[in-house]
Amino acid sequence: MTKAELVDEIAREADLTRKHSEVIVDAARYFMQAKHLELYGTGYFLREWGTGIAAWTDLPLVPFLHGLVLALSGEARIAVQAFTTLLFSATVVLTYLTGRTLWDETAGACAGALLLAMPYLLTQPPLMLVDVPTMFFLILAVYTTIRGVRDGGAFFLAAAPVAITLALLSKYSTWAMLSVVPVIFLAHPEYGRRTVLRRAAVISLGAL
């Protein structure tokens, strides 16, 4: 490679870095974590999380999902944005379903509309951050737990502990927010103490 070609190559790399650089420090960190999965695979990611992959105060689930997106689509910002937008939309739907389950159709629709109208949340889907996926997994845990306690059934009794575990692996702040799960257990005495205790035990032991 001649000196001129080397200069051109450096210029191209600098231009690529400028175009794809992250101005938010957290987003840059999550991108680097996800890039490890894209380049070296899921085994390396899980094995090296917190050692070879600097974790700081992060939890692995969302960077893992971002890494899968990058592995499938390549290093394309639009793919991550589409993934986050999908989770944001699903959160609105889950909020509607939760409101409808607890009260009625009108309450559910109002709850979903209010969530969709929060200006701060609308700025999040374009960013490679963990907040929107965390919000999704949290409300998924709440909804499936409510349905598990109310309806029982293999699907929701299996889905609730999975959703709780995913929320716990998304962000440390969800650990406090999931204190709502015992409240859900206590808020359904009309379904019978033994029935609620049995379903609560299945969900709790599954999550543990």
N, C-alpha and C. Protein backbone atom coordinates (compact mmCIF):
# COMPACT_ATOMS: atom_id res chain seq x y z
N MET A 1 0.85 -1.19 0.00
CA MET A 1 0.00 0.00 0.00
C MET A 1 0.89 1.24 0.00
N THR A 2 0.64 2.14 -0.95
CA THR A 2 1.42 3.37 -1.04
C THR A 2 1.01 4.33 0.07
N LYS A 3 1.82 5.37 0.22
CA LYS A 3 1.53 6.36 1.25
C LYS A 3 0.19 7.05 0.98
N ALA A 4 -0.08 7.33 -0.30
CA ALA A 4 -1.34 8.00 -0.66
C ALA A 4 -2.53 7.10 -0.35
N GLU A 5 -2.39 5.79 -0.64
CA GLU A 5 -3.48 4.85 -0.35
C GLU A 5 -3.71 4.72 1.15
N LEU A 6 -2.61 4.73 1.90
CA LEU A 6 -2.73 4.65 3.36
C LEU A 6 -3.46 5.86 3.91
N VAL A 7 -3.12 7.05 3.41
CA VAL A 7 -3.81 8.27 3.85
C VAL A 7 -5.29 8.20 3.53
N ASP A 8 -5.61 7.71 2.30
CA ASP A 8 -7.02 7.58 1.91
C ASP A 8 -7.76 6.60 2.82
N GLU A 9 -7.10 5.50 3.16
CA GLU A 9 -7.72 4.51 4.03
C GLU A 9 -7.98 5.08 5.42
N ILE A 10 -7.03 5.80 5.97
CA ILE A 10 -7.20 6.44 7.27
C ILE A 10 -8.34 7.45 7.22
N ALA A 11 -8.43 8.20 6.13
CA ALA A 11 -9.50 9.19 5.98
C ALA A 11 -10.86 8.52 5.94
N ARG A 12 -10.94 7.38 5.22
CA ARG A 12 -12.21 6.66 5.15
C ARG A 12 -12.62 6.13 6.52
N GLU A 13 -11.65 5.57 7.26
CA GLU A 13 -11.93 5.06 8.59
C GLU A 13 -12.38 6.18 9.53
N ALA A 14 -11.72 7.34 9.42
CA ALA A 14 -12.09 8.48 10.26
C ALA A 14 -13.50 8.96 9.94
N ASP A 15 -13.83 8.97 8.65
CA ASP A 15 -15.17 9.40 8.25
C ASP A 15 -16.22 8.42 8.73
N LEU A 16 -15.91 7.11 8.66
CA LEU A 16 -16.83 6.08 9.14
C LEU A 16 -17.04 6.21 10.65
N THR A 17 -15.95 6.46 11.36
CA THR A 17 -16.05 6.62 12.81
C THR A 17 -16.90 7.84 13.16
N ARG A 18 -16.70 8.93 12.43
CA ARG A 18 -17.47 10.15 12.69
C ARG A 18 -18.96 9.91 12.46
N LYS A 19 -19.30 9.19 11.40
CA LYS A 19 -20.70 8.97 11.06
C LYS A 19 -21.38 8.04 12.06
N HIS A 20 -20.64 7.08 12.60
CA HIS A 20 -21.25 6.06 13.46
C HIS A 20 -20.92 6.26 14.94
N SER A 21 -20.26 7.33 15.28
CA SER A 21 -19.89 7.54 16.68
C SER A 21 -21.11 7.85 17.51
N GLU A 22 -21.05 7.47 18.80
CA GLU A 22 -22.14 7.71 19.73
C GLU A 22 -21.78 8.89 20.61
N VAL A 23 -22.67 9.88 20.66
CA VAL A 23 -22.40 11.05 21.49
C VAL A 23 -22.81 10.81 22.94
N ILE A 24 -23.62 9.78 23.20
CA ILE A 24 -24.03 9.42 24.56
C ILE A 24 -23.09 8.33 25.06
N VAL A 25 -22.44 8.56 26.18
CA VAL A 25 -21.43 7.63 26.68
C VAL A 25 -22.04 6.26 26.94
N ASP A 26 -23.22 6.21 27.54
CA ASP A 26 -23.86 4.92 27.82
C ASP A 26 -24.13 4.14 26.54
N ALA A 27 -24.61 4.83 25.51
CA ALA A 27 -24.89 4.17 24.24
C ALA A 27 -23.62 3.60 23.63
N ALA A 28 -22.52 4.34 23.73
CA ALA A 28 -21.25 3.85 23.22
C ALA A 28 -20.82 2.58 23.95
N ARG A 29 -21.04 2.56 25.26
CA ARG A 29 -20.67 1.38 26.05
C ARG A 29 -21.52 0.17 25.69
N TYR A 30 -22.82 0.37 25.53
CA TYR A 30 -23.70 -0.73 25.16
C TYR A 30 -23.36 -1.24 23.76
N PHE A 31 -22.98 -0.32 22.86
CA PHE A 31 -22.59 -0.74 21.52
C PHE A 31 -21.35 -1.62 21.56
N MET A 32 -20.36 -1.23 22.34
CA MET A 32 -19.14 -2.03 22.44
C MET A 32 -19.43 -3.40 23.02
N GLN A 33 -20.32 -3.47 24.02
CA GLN A 33 -20.68 -4.76 24.60
C GLN A 33 -21.38 -5.63 23.56
N ALA A 34 -22.33 -5.04 22.82
CA ALA A 34 -23.05 -5.80 21.80
C ALA A 34 -22.12 -6.25 20.68
N LYS A 35 -21.13 -5.41 20.37
CA LYS A 35 -20.19 -5.73 19.29
C LYS A 35 -19.40 -6.99 19.60
N HIS A 36 -19.12 -7.24 20.88
CA HIS A 36 -18.42 -8.46 21.25
C HIS A 36 -19.21 -9.70 20.85
N LEU A 37 -20.54 -9.66 21.05
CA LEU A 37 -21.36 -10.81 20.66
C LEU A 37 -21.38 -10.96 19.15
N GLU A 38 -21.51 -9.86 18.43
CA GLU A 38 -21.54 -9.93 16.97
C GLU A 38 -20.25 -10.55 16.43
N LEU A 39 -19.11 -10.15 17.00
CA LEU A 39 -17.82 -10.58 16.47
C LEU A 39 -17.42 -11.98 16.95
N TYR A 40 -17.69 -12.30 18.21
CA TYR A 40 -17.14 -13.52 18.80
C TYR A 40 -18.18 -14.56 19.20
N GLY A 41 -19.48 -14.23 19.10
CA GLY A 41 -20.51 -15.22 19.37
C GLY A 41 -21.06 -15.16 20.79
N THR A 42 -22.18 -15.87 20.98
CA THR A 42 -22.88 -15.83 22.27
C THR A 42 -22.08 -16.49 23.38
N GLY A 43 -21.37 -17.56 23.06
CA GLY A 43 -20.57 -18.24 24.08
C GLY A 43 -19.53 -17.34 24.69
N TYR A 44 -18.81 -16.63 23.83
CA TYR A 44 -17.80 -15.68 24.32
C TYR A 44 -18.45 -14.59 25.14
N PHE A 45 -19.58 -14.06 24.66
CA PHE A 45 -20.26 -12.98 25.37
C PHE A 45 -20.64 -13.41 26.78
N LEU A 46 -21.26 -14.58 26.91
CA LEU A 46 -21.70 -15.05 28.23
C LEU A 46 -20.52 -15.39 29.13
N ARG A 47 -19.47 -15.95 28.54
CA ARG A 47 -18.30 -16.36 29.32
C ARG A 47 -17.49 -15.17 29.79
N GLU A 48 -17.39 -14.13 28.97
CA GLU A 48 -16.51 -13.01 29.27
C GLU A 48 -17.23 -11.81 29.88
N TRP A 49 -18.56 -11.91 30.06
CA TRP A 49 -19.27 -10.77 30.64
C TRP A 49 -18.73 -10.46 32.03
N GLY A 50 -18.33 -9.22 32.23
CA GLY A 50 -17.79 -8.80 33.52
C GLY A 50 -16.31 -9.02 33.67
N THR A 51 -15.68 -9.71 32.72
CA THR A 51 -14.22 -9.92 32.76
C THR A 51 -13.62 -9.32 31.48
N GLY A 52 -13.62 -10.10 30.40
CA GLY A 52 -13.11 -9.58 29.13
C GLY A 52 -13.99 -8.48 28.57
N ILE A 53 -15.27 -8.54 28.87
CA ILE A 53 -16.22 -7.49 28.46
C ILE A 53 -16.51 -6.64 29.68
N ALA A 54 -16.06 -5.41 29.66
CA ALA A 54 -16.24 -4.54 30.82
C ALA A 54 -17.73 -4.27 31.03
N ALA A 55 -18.23 -4.61 32.21
CA ALA A 55 -19.67 -4.49 32.47
C ALA A 55 -20.01 -3.24 33.26
N TRP A 56 -19.07 -2.67 33.99
CA TRP A 56 -19.32 -1.51 34.83
C TRP A 56 -20.50 -1.82 35.74
N THR A 57 -21.60 -1.05 35.66
CA THR A 57 -22.78 -1.36 36.46
C THR A 57 -23.90 -1.95 35.60
N ASP A 58 -23.55 -2.45 34.42
CA ASP A 58 -24.56 -2.93 33.48
C ASP A 58 -24.94 -4.38 33.75
N LEU A 59 -26.10 -4.76 33.28
CA LEU A 59 -26.55 -6.15 33.26
C LEU A 59 -26.59 -6.62 31.81
N PRO A 60 -26.52 -7.92 31.57
CA PRO A 60 -26.19 -8.40 30.22
C PRO A 60 -27.33 -8.54 29.23
N LEU A 61 -28.60 -8.55 29.66
CA LEU A 61 -29.66 -8.96 28.74
C LEU A 61 -29.79 -8.05 27.53
N VAL A 62 -29.91 -6.74 27.75
CA VAL A 62 -30.16 -5.84 26.61
C VAL A 62 -28.96 -5.77 25.67
N PRO A 63 -27.70 -5.63 26.16
CA PRO A 63 -26.57 -5.71 25.23
C PRO A 63 -26.53 -7.05 24.47
N PHE A 64 -26.96 -8.13 25.12
CA PHE A 64 -27.04 -9.43 24.45
C PHE A 64 -28.03 -9.37 23.28
N LEU A 65 -29.21 -8.79 23.52
CA LEU A 65 -30.20 -8.66 22.45
C LEU A 65 -29.71 -7.73 21.35
N HIS A 66 -29.07 -6.62 21.75
CA HIS A 66 -28.50 -5.72 20.74
C HIS A 66 -27.45 -6.46 19.91
N GLY A 67 -26.66 -7.30 20.55
CA GLY A 67 -25.65 -8.06 19.83
C GLY A 67 -26.27 -9.02 18.82
N LEU A 68 -27.38 -9.65 19.19
CA LEU A 68 -28.08 -10.53 18.25
C LEU A 68 -28.59 -9.74 17.04
N VAL A 69 -29.10 -8.54 17.30
CA VAL A 69 -29.57 -7.68 16.20
C VAL A 69 -28.41 -7.34 15.27
N LEU A 70 -27.27 -6.96 15.84
CA LEU A 70 -26.10 -6.63 15.01
C LEU A 70 -25.62 -7.85 14.24
N ALA A 71 -25.67 -9.02 14.88
CA ALA A 71 -25.22 -10.24 14.21
C ALA A 71 -26.10 -10.59 13.02
N LEU A 72 -27.39 -10.29 13.14
CA LEU A 72 -28.33 -10.62 12.07
C LEU A 72 -28.35 -9.57 10.96
N SER A 73 -28.16 -8.31 11.33
CA SER A 73 -28.36 -7.22 10.37
C SER A 73 -27.08 -6.51 9.97
N GLY A 74 -25.99 -6.79 10.67
CA GLY A 74 -24.78 -6.01 10.46
C GLY A 74 -24.83 -4.75 11.30
N GLU A 75 -23.80 -3.93 11.18
CA GLU A 75 -23.69 -2.74 12.02
C GLU A 75 -24.56 -1.62 11.42
N ALA A 76 -25.88 -1.79 11.59
CA ALA A 76 -26.83 -0.83 11.03
C ALA A 76 -27.65 -0.23 12.16
N ARG A 77 -27.57 1.08 12.30
CA ARG A 77 -28.30 1.76 13.37
C ARG A 77 -29.81 1.54 13.24
N ILE A 78 -30.31 1.52 11.99
CA ILE A 78 -31.75 1.39 11.77
C ILE A 78 -32.29 0.08 12.33
N ALA A 79 -31.47 -0.97 12.33
CA ALA A 79 -31.93 -2.27 12.84
C ALA A 79 -32.16 -2.20 14.35
N VAL A 80 -31.23 -1.58 15.07
CA VAL A 80 -31.39 -1.41 16.51
C VAL A 80 -32.57 -0.51 16.80
N GLN A 81 -32.73 0.55 16.00
CA GLN A 81 -33.86 1.46 16.20
C GLN A 81 -35.19 0.75 15.96
N ALA A 82 -35.25 -0.11 14.95
CA ALA A 82 -36.48 -0.86 14.67
C ALA A 82 -36.79 -1.82 15.82
N PHE A 83 -35.75 -2.47 16.35
CA PHE A 83 -35.93 -3.39 17.48
C PHE A 83 -36.46 -2.65 18.70
N THR A 84 -35.87 -1.50 19.03
CA THR A 84 -36.29 -0.74 20.20
C THR A 84 -37.70 -0.18 20.00
N THR A 85 -38.01 0.26 18.79
CA THR A 85 -39.35 0.77 18.50
C THR A 85 -40.39 -0.33 18.65
N LEU A 86 -40.05 -1.54 18.22
CA LEU A 86 -40.96 -2.68 18.38
C LEU A 86 -41.25 -2.93 19.86
N LEU A 87 -40.21 -2.90 20.71
CA LEU A 87 -40.41 -3.11 22.14
C LEU A 87 -41.22 -1.97 22.76
N PHE A 88 -40.98 -0.74 22.30
CA PHE A 88 -41.76 0.40 22.80
C PHE A 88 -43.24 0.21 22.46
N SER A 89 -43.52 -0.17 21.23
CA SER A 89 -44.91 -0.39 20.81
C SER A 89 -45.54 -1.54 21.61
N ALA A 90 -44.77 -2.59 21.82
CA ALA A 90 -45.28 -3.73 22.60
C ALA A 90 -45.55 -3.34 24.05
N THR A 91 -44.77 -2.41 24.58
CA THR A 91 -45.00 -1.93 25.95
C THR A 91 -46.33 -1.20 26.05
N VAL A 92 -46.64 -0.41 25.03
CA VAL A 92 -47.93 0.28 25.01
C VAL A 92 -49.07 -0.73 24.99
N VAL A 93 -48.93 -1.77 24.18
CA VAL A 93 -49.96 -2.81 24.10
C VAL A 93 -50.10 -3.53 25.45
N LEU A 94 -48.98 -3.87 26.08
CA LEU A 94 -49.02 -4.55 27.38
C LEU A 94 -49.64 -3.66 28.45
N THR A 95 -49.37 -2.36 28.38
CA THR A 95 -49.99 -1.43 29.32
C THR A 95 -51.50 -1.42 29.14
N TYR A 96 -51.95 -1.41 27.90
CA TYR A 96 -53.38 -1.49 27.61
C TYR A 96 -53.98 -2.78 28.17
N LEU A 97 -53.31 -3.90 27.92
CA LEU A 97 -53.82 -5.20 28.39
C LEU A 97 -53.86 -5.27 29.91
N THR A 98 -52.86 -4.67 30.56
CA THR A 98 -52.85 -4.67 32.03
C THR A 98 -54.02 -3.85 32.58
N GLY A 99 -54.22 -2.67 32.02
CA GLY A 99 -55.35 -1.85 32.45
C GLY A 99 -56.68 -2.52 32.21
N ARG A 100 -56.82 -3.17 31.07
CA ARG A 100 -58.06 -3.88 30.75
C ARG A 100 -58.29 -5.05 31.71
N THR A 101 -57.21 -5.74 32.06
CA THR A 101 -57.34 -6.88 32.97
C THR A 101 -57.74 -6.43 34.36
N LEU A 102 -57.13 -5.36 34.85
CA LEU A 102 -57.40 -4.89 36.21
C LEU A 102 -58.72 -4.14 36.32
N TRP A 103 -59.10 -3.39 35.27
CA TRP A 103 -60.30 -2.56 35.34
C TRP A 103 -61.21 -2.85 34.17
N ASP A 104 -61.04 -2.13 33.06
CA ASP A 104 -61.90 -2.36 31.90
C ASP A 104 -61.21 -1.84 30.65
N GLU A 105 -61.90 -1.95 29.52
CA GLU A 105 -61.35 -1.56 28.23
C GLU A 105 -60.96 -0.08 28.20
N THR A 106 -61.80 0.77 28.79
CA THR A 106 -61.53 2.21 28.77
C THR A 106 -60.26 2.54 29.56
N ALA A 107 -60.13 1.95 30.74
CA ALA A 107 -58.94 2.19 31.55
C ALA A 107 -57.69 1.73 30.83
N GLY A 108 -57.77 0.58 30.19
CA GLY A 108 -56.62 0.08 29.45
C GLY A 108 -56.23 0.99 28.31
N ALA A 109 -57.22 1.47 27.55
CA ALA A 109 -56.93 2.36 26.42
C ALA A 109 -56.33 3.68 26.90
N CYS A 110 -56.87 4.22 27.99
CA CYS A 110 -56.32 5.47 28.53
C CYS A 110 -54.89 5.28 29.02
N ALA A 111 -54.63 4.16 29.67
CA ALA A 111 -53.27 3.89 30.16
C ALA A 111 -52.28 3.79 29.01
N GLY A 112 -52.66 3.06 27.96
CA GLY A 112 -51.78 2.94 26.80
C GLY A 112 -51.55 4.27 26.11
N ALA A 113 -52.60 5.08 25.98
CA ALA A 113 -52.47 6.38 25.33
C ALA A 113 -51.59 7.33 26.14
N LEU A 114 -51.75 7.30 27.47
CA LEU A 114 -50.92 8.16 28.31
C LEU A 114 -49.44 7.78 28.23
N LEU A 115 -49.16 6.47 28.20
CA LEU A 115 -47.77 6.03 28.06
C LEU A 115 -47.21 6.48 26.72
N LEU A 116 -48.00 6.33 25.67
CA LEU A 116 -47.55 6.71 24.33
C LEU A 116 -47.31 8.20 24.21
N ALA A 117 -48.01 9.00 25.04
CA ALA A 117 -47.92 10.45 24.94
C ALA A 117 -46.81 11.06 25.78
N MET A 118 -46.05 10.25 26.52
CA MET A 118 -44.98 10.81 27.35
C MET A 118 -43.83 11.28 26.46
N PRO A 119 -43.55 12.58 26.40
CA PRO A 119 -42.54 13.09 25.46
C PRO A 119 -41.16 12.48 25.66
N TYR A 120 -40.75 12.27 26.91
CA TYR A 120 -39.41 11.75 27.14
C TYR A 120 -39.25 10.36 26.53
N LEU A 121 -40.28 9.53 26.66
CA LEU A 121 -40.18 8.17 26.12
C LEU A 121 -40.02 8.18 24.61
N LEU A 122 -40.64 9.14 23.95
CA LEU A 122 -40.57 9.19 22.48
C LEU A 122 -39.17 9.50 21.98
N THR A 123 -38.31 10.03 22.84
CA THR A 123 -36.93 10.30 22.43
C THR A 123 -36.05 9.06 22.56
N GLN A 124 -36.53 8.01 23.20
CA GLN A 124 -35.68 6.87 23.51
C GLN A 124 -35.52 5.82 22.40
N PRO A 125 -36.55 5.48 21.63
CA PRO A 125 -36.36 4.42 20.62
C PRO A 125 -35.22 4.62 19.65
N PRO A 126 -34.88 5.87 19.22
CA PRO A 126 -33.75 6.00 18.30
C PRO A 126 -32.39 5.75 18.94
N LEU A 127 -32.33 5.65 20.26
CA LEU A 127 -31.05 5.56 20.97
C LEU A 127 -30.74 4.11 21.35
N MET A 128 -29.46 3.78 21.35
CA MET A 128 -29.03 2.43 21.72
C MET A 128 -28.82 2.37 23.23
N LEU A 129 -29.93 2.48 23.96
CA LEU A 129 -29.91 2.46 25.41
C LEU A 129 -30.75 1.28 25.91
N VAL A 130 -30.72 1.04 27.20
CA VAL A 130 -31.42 -0.12 27.76
C VAL A 130 -32.79 0.23 28.34
N ASP A 131 -33.15 1.51 28.36
CA ASP A 131 -34.34 1.94 29.10
C ASP A 131 -35.64 1.39 28.51
N VAL A 132 -35.81 1.49 27.19
CA VAL A 132 -37.05 1.00 26.58
C VAL A 132 -37.18 -0.52 26.69
N PRO A 133 -36.14 -1.30 26.37
CA PRO A 133 -36.26 -2.74 26.60
C PRO A 133 -36.53 -3.10 28.06
N THR A 134 -35.90 -2.37 28.99
CA THR A 134 -36.16 -2.62 30.41
C THR A 134 -37.62 -2.35 30.75
N MET A 135 -38.15 -1.25 30.25
CA MET A 135 -39.56 -0.93 30.47
C MET A 135 -40.46 -2.04 29.94
N PHE A 136 -40.12 -2.57 28.77
CA PHE A 136 -40.91 -3.65 28.18
C PHE A 136 -40.90 -4.89 29.07
N PHE A 137 -39.71 -5.31 29.50
CA PHE A 137 -39.64 -6.53 30.30
C PHE A 137 -40.29 -6.35 31.68
N LEU A 138 -40.24 -5.13 32.21
CA LEU A 138 -40.88 -4.87 33.50
C LEU A 138 -42.40 -5.00 33.39
N ILE A 139 -43.00 -4.35 32.40
CA ILE A 139 -44.45 -4.43 32.27
C ILE A 139 -44.88 -5.82 31.83
N LEU A 140 -44.02 -6.52 31.08
CA LEU A 140 -44.31 -7.91 30.74
C LEU A 140 -44.36 -8.77 32.00
N ALA A 141 -43.43 -8.54 32.92
CA ALA A 141 -43.43 -9.28 34.18
C ALA A 141 -44.69 -8.99 34.99
N VAL A 142 -45.08 -7.72 35.04
CA VAL A 142 -46.29 -7.34 35.79
C VAL A 142 -47.52 -7.99 35.17
N TYR A 143 -47.66 -7.88 33.85
CA TYR A 143 -48.86 -8.41 33.19
C TYR A 143 -48.96 -9.94 33.32
N THR A 144 -47.86 -10.64 33.06
CA THR A 144 -47.92 -12.10 33.12
C THR A 144 -48.13 -12.58 34.56
N THR A 145 -47.60 -11.84 35.54
CA THR A 145 -47.83 -12.22 36.94
C THR A 145 -49.30 -12.04 37.31
N ILE A 146 -49.89 -10.92 36.89
CA ILE A 146 -51.32 -10.70 37.15
C ILE A 146 -52.15 -11.82 36.53
N ARG A 147 -51.86 -12.16 35.28
CA ARG A 147 -52.63 -13.20 34.61
C ARG A 147 -52.36 -14.57 35.24
N GLY A 148 -51.12 -14.79 35.68
CA GLY A 148 -50.81 -16.05 36.34
C GLY A 148 -51.58 -16.23 37.64
N VAL A 149 -51.66 -15.14 38.43
CA VAL A 149 -52.39 -15.21 39.70
C VAL A 149 -53.89 -15.33 39.45
N ARG A 150 -54.40 -14.61 38.49
CA ARG A 150 -55.85 -14.60 38.25
C ARG A 150 -56.34 -15.86 37.53
N ASP A 151 -55.63 -16.24 36.48
CA ASP A 151 -56.13 -17.29 35.60
C ASP A 151 -55.46 -18.64 35.81
N GLY A 152 -54.24 -18.63 36.38
CA GLY A 152 -53.50 -19.88 36.45
C GLY A 152 -53.14 -20.34 35.04
N GLY A 153 -53.13 -21.62 34.84
CA GLY A 153 -52.81 -22.14 33.52
C GLY A 153 -51.32 -22.23 33.30
N ALA A 154 -50.91 -23.23 32.55
CA ALA A 154 -49.48 -23.49 32.36
C ALA A 154 -48.76 -22.34 31.67
N PHE A 155 -49.43 -21.70 30.70
CA PHE A 155 -48.73 -20.67 29.92
C PHE A 155 -48.31 -19.51 30.79
N PHE A 156 -49.26 -18.90 31.52
CA PHE A 156 -48.93 -17.71 32.31
C PHE A 156 -48.10 -18.06 33.55
N LEU A 157 -48.31 -19.23 34.12
CA LEU A 157 -47.49 -19.64 35.27
C LEU A 157 -46.05 -19.92 34.86
N ALA A 158 -45.83 -20.25 33.59
CA ALA A 158 -44.46 -20.41 33.09
C ALA A 158 -43.90 -19.09 32.58
N ALA A 159 -44.77 -18.27 31.96
CA ALA A 159 -44.30 -17.02 31.38
C ALA A 159 -43.93 -16.00 32.44
N ALA A 160 -44.66 -15.99 33.57
CA ALA A 160 -44.40 -14.98 34.60
C ALA A 160 -42.99 -15.06 35.17
N PRO A 161 -42.52 -16.25 35.63
CA PRO A 161 -41.14 -16.28 36.14
C PRO A 161 -40.08 -15.99 35.09
N VAL A 162 -40.34 -16.36 33.84
CA VAL A 162 -39.40 -16.03 32.76
C VAL A 162 -39.32 -14.52 32.58
N ALA A 163 -40.50 -13.87 32.57
CA ALA A 163 -40.53 -12.41 32.40
C ALA A 163 -39.88 -11.70 33.58
N ILE A 164 -40.10 -12.20 34.79
CA ILE A 164 -39.47 -11.61 35.98
C ILE A 164 -37.95 -11.72 35.87
N THR A 165 -37.47 -12.88 35.44
CA THR A 165 -36.03 -13.09 35.31
C THR A 165 -35.44 -12.16 34.25
N LEU A 166 -36.13 -12.00 33.13
CA LEU A 166 -35.64 -11.09 32.08
C LEU A 166 -35.59 -9.65 32.58
N ALA A 167 -36.60 -9.26 33.36
CA ALA A 167 -36.59 -7.90 33.92
C ALA A 167 -35.42 -7.73 34.89
N LEU A 168 -35.15 -8.75 35.70
CA LEU A 168 -34.04 -8.67 36.66
C LEU A 168 -32.70 -8.56 35.95
N LEU A 169 -32.59 -9.12 34.75
CA LEU A 169 -31.34 -9.10 34.00
C LEU A 169 -31.21 -7.88 33.08
N SER A 170 -32.20 -6.98 33.13
CA SER A 170 -32.19 -5.82 32.23
C SER A 170 -31.49 -4.62 32.83
N LYS A 171 -31.82 -4.31 34.09
CA LYS A 171 -31.26 -3.12 34.73
C LYS A 171 -31.46 -3.24 36.24
N TYR A 172 -30.49 -2.76 37.00
CA TYR A 172 -30.57 -2.92 38.46
C TYR A 172 -31.79 -2.22 39.06
N SER A 173 -32.26 -1.14 38.46
CA SER A 173 -33.39 -0.42 39.03
C SER A 173 -34.66 -1.26 39.04
N THR A 174 -34.75 -2.25 38.14
CA THR A 174 -35.95 -3.09 38.13
C THR A 174 -36.03 -3.97 39.37
N TRP A 175 -34.90 -4.18 40.06
CA TRP A 175 -34.94 -5.03 41.25
C TRP A 175 -35.85 -4.42 42.31
N ALA A 176 -35.82 -3.09 42.43
CA ALA A 176 -36.72 -2.43 43.37
C ALA A 176 -38.13 -2.35 42.80
N MET A 177 -38.24 -2.10 41.51
CA MET A 177 -39.56 -1.97 40.90
C MET A 177 -40.35 -3.27 40.96
N LEU A 178 -39.66 -4.40 40.93
CA LEU A 178 -40.35 -5.69 40.98
C LEU A 178 -40.87 -6.04 42.36
N SER A 179 -40.69 -5.12 43.31
CA SER A 179 -41.35 -5.30 44.61
C SER A 179 -42.87 -5.27 44.45
N VAL A 180 -43.35 -4.87 43.26
CA VAL A 180 -44.79 -4.89 43.00
C VAL A 180 -45.31 -6.32 42.87
N VAL A 181 -44.44 -7.28 42.61
CA VAL A 181 -44.89 -8.67 42.43
C VAL A 181 -45.55 -9.22 43.69
N PRO A 182 -44.95 -9.09 44.89
CA PRO A 182 -45.67 -9.54 46.09
C PRO A 182 -46.99 -8.79 46.31
N VAL A 183 -47.04 -7.53 45.90
CA VAL A 183 -48.28 -6.77 46.02
C VAL A 183 -49.37 -7.39 45.15
N ILE A 184 -48.98 -7.85 43.96
CA ILE A 184 -49.94 -8.52 43.08
C ILE A 184 -50.48 -9.78 43.76
N PHE A 185 -49.60 -10.52 44.43
CA PHE A 185 -50.06 -11.72 45.15
C PHE A 185 -51.07 -11.36 46.22
N LEU A 186 -50.81 -10.29 46.94
CA LEU A 186 -51.67 -9.90 48.07
C LEU A 186 -52.97 -9.24 47.63
N ALA A 187 -53.01 -8.75 46.41
CA ALA A 187 -54.15 -7.95 45.96
C ALA A 187 -55.28 -8.78 45.35
N HIS A 188 -55.18 -10.11 45.43
CA HIS A 188 -56.20 -10.95 44.82
C HIS A 188 -56.78 -11.96 45.81
N PRO A 189 -57.23 -11.50 46.99
CA PRO A 189 -57.80 -12.44 47.97
C PRO A 189 -59.10 -13.08 47.49
N GLU A 190 -59.80 -12.43 46.57
CA GLU A 190 -61.09 -12.95 46.11
C GLU A 190 -60.94 -14.25 45.31
N TYR A 191 -59.70 -14.57 44.90
CA TYR A 191 -59.48 -15.81 44.15
C TYR A 191 -59.21 -17.00 45.06
N GLY A 192 -59.23 -16.76 46.38
CA GLY A 192 -59.01 -17.84 47.33
C GLY A 192 -57.57 -17.88 47.80
N ARG A 193 -57.41 -17.96 49.13
CA ARG A 193 -56.06 -17.89 49.69
C ARG A 193 -55.19 -19.04 49.19
N ARG A 194 -55.72 -20.25 49.22
CA ARG A 194 -54.92 -21.40 48.80
C ARG A 194 -54.54 -21.32 47.32
N THR A 195 -55.51 -20.93 46.51
CA THR A 195 -55.23 -20.82 45.07
C THR A 195 -54.15 -19.79 44.79
N VAL A 196 -54.27 -18.61 45.41
CA VAL A 196 -53.29 -17.55 45.20
C VAL A 196 -51.92 -17.97 45.72
N LEU A 197 -51.89 -18.58 46.91
CA LEU A 197 -50.60 -19.03 47.47
C LEU A 197 -49.94 -20.07 46.58
N ARG A 198 -50.74 -20.98 46.05
CA ARG A 198 -50.17 -22.02 45.18
C ARG A 198 -49.60 -21.41 43.90
N ARG A 199 -50.35 -20.49 43.29
CA ARG A 199 -49.87 -19.85 42.07
C ARG A 199 -48.69 -18.93 42.34
N ALA A 200 -48.72 -18.24 43.48
CA ALA A 200 -47.59 -17.36 43.85
C ALA A 200 -46.33 -18.19 44.07
N ALA A 201 -46.48 -19.38 44.69
CA ALA A 201 -45.33 -20.24 44.95
C ALA A 201 -44.72 -20.73 43.63
N VAL A 202 -45.57 -21.10 42.67
CA VAL A 202 -45.08 -21.55 41.37
C VAL A 202 -44.29 -20.44 40.69
N ILE A 203 -44.84 -19.24 40.68
CA ILE A 203 -44.16 -18.10 40.01
C ILE A 203 -42.86 -17.76 40.73
N SER A 204 -42.90 -17.71 42.06
CA SER A 204 -41.72 -17.32 42.83
C SER A 204 -40.61 -18.35 42.70
N LEU A 205 -40.94 -19.62 42.85
CA LEU A 205 -39.93 -20.67 42.73
C LEU A 205 -39.37 -20.75 41.32
N GLY A 206 -40.25 -20.52 40.32
CA GLY A 206 -39.77 -20.50 38.95
C GLY A 206 -38.75 -19.39 38.71
N ALA A 207 -39.04 -18.22 39.25
CA ALA A 207 -38.11 -17.10 39.08
C ALA A 207 -36.80 -17.35 39.84
N LEU A 208 -36.89 -17.92 41.04
CA LEU A 208 -35.68 -18.23 41.80
C LEU A 208 -34.81 -19.25 41.08
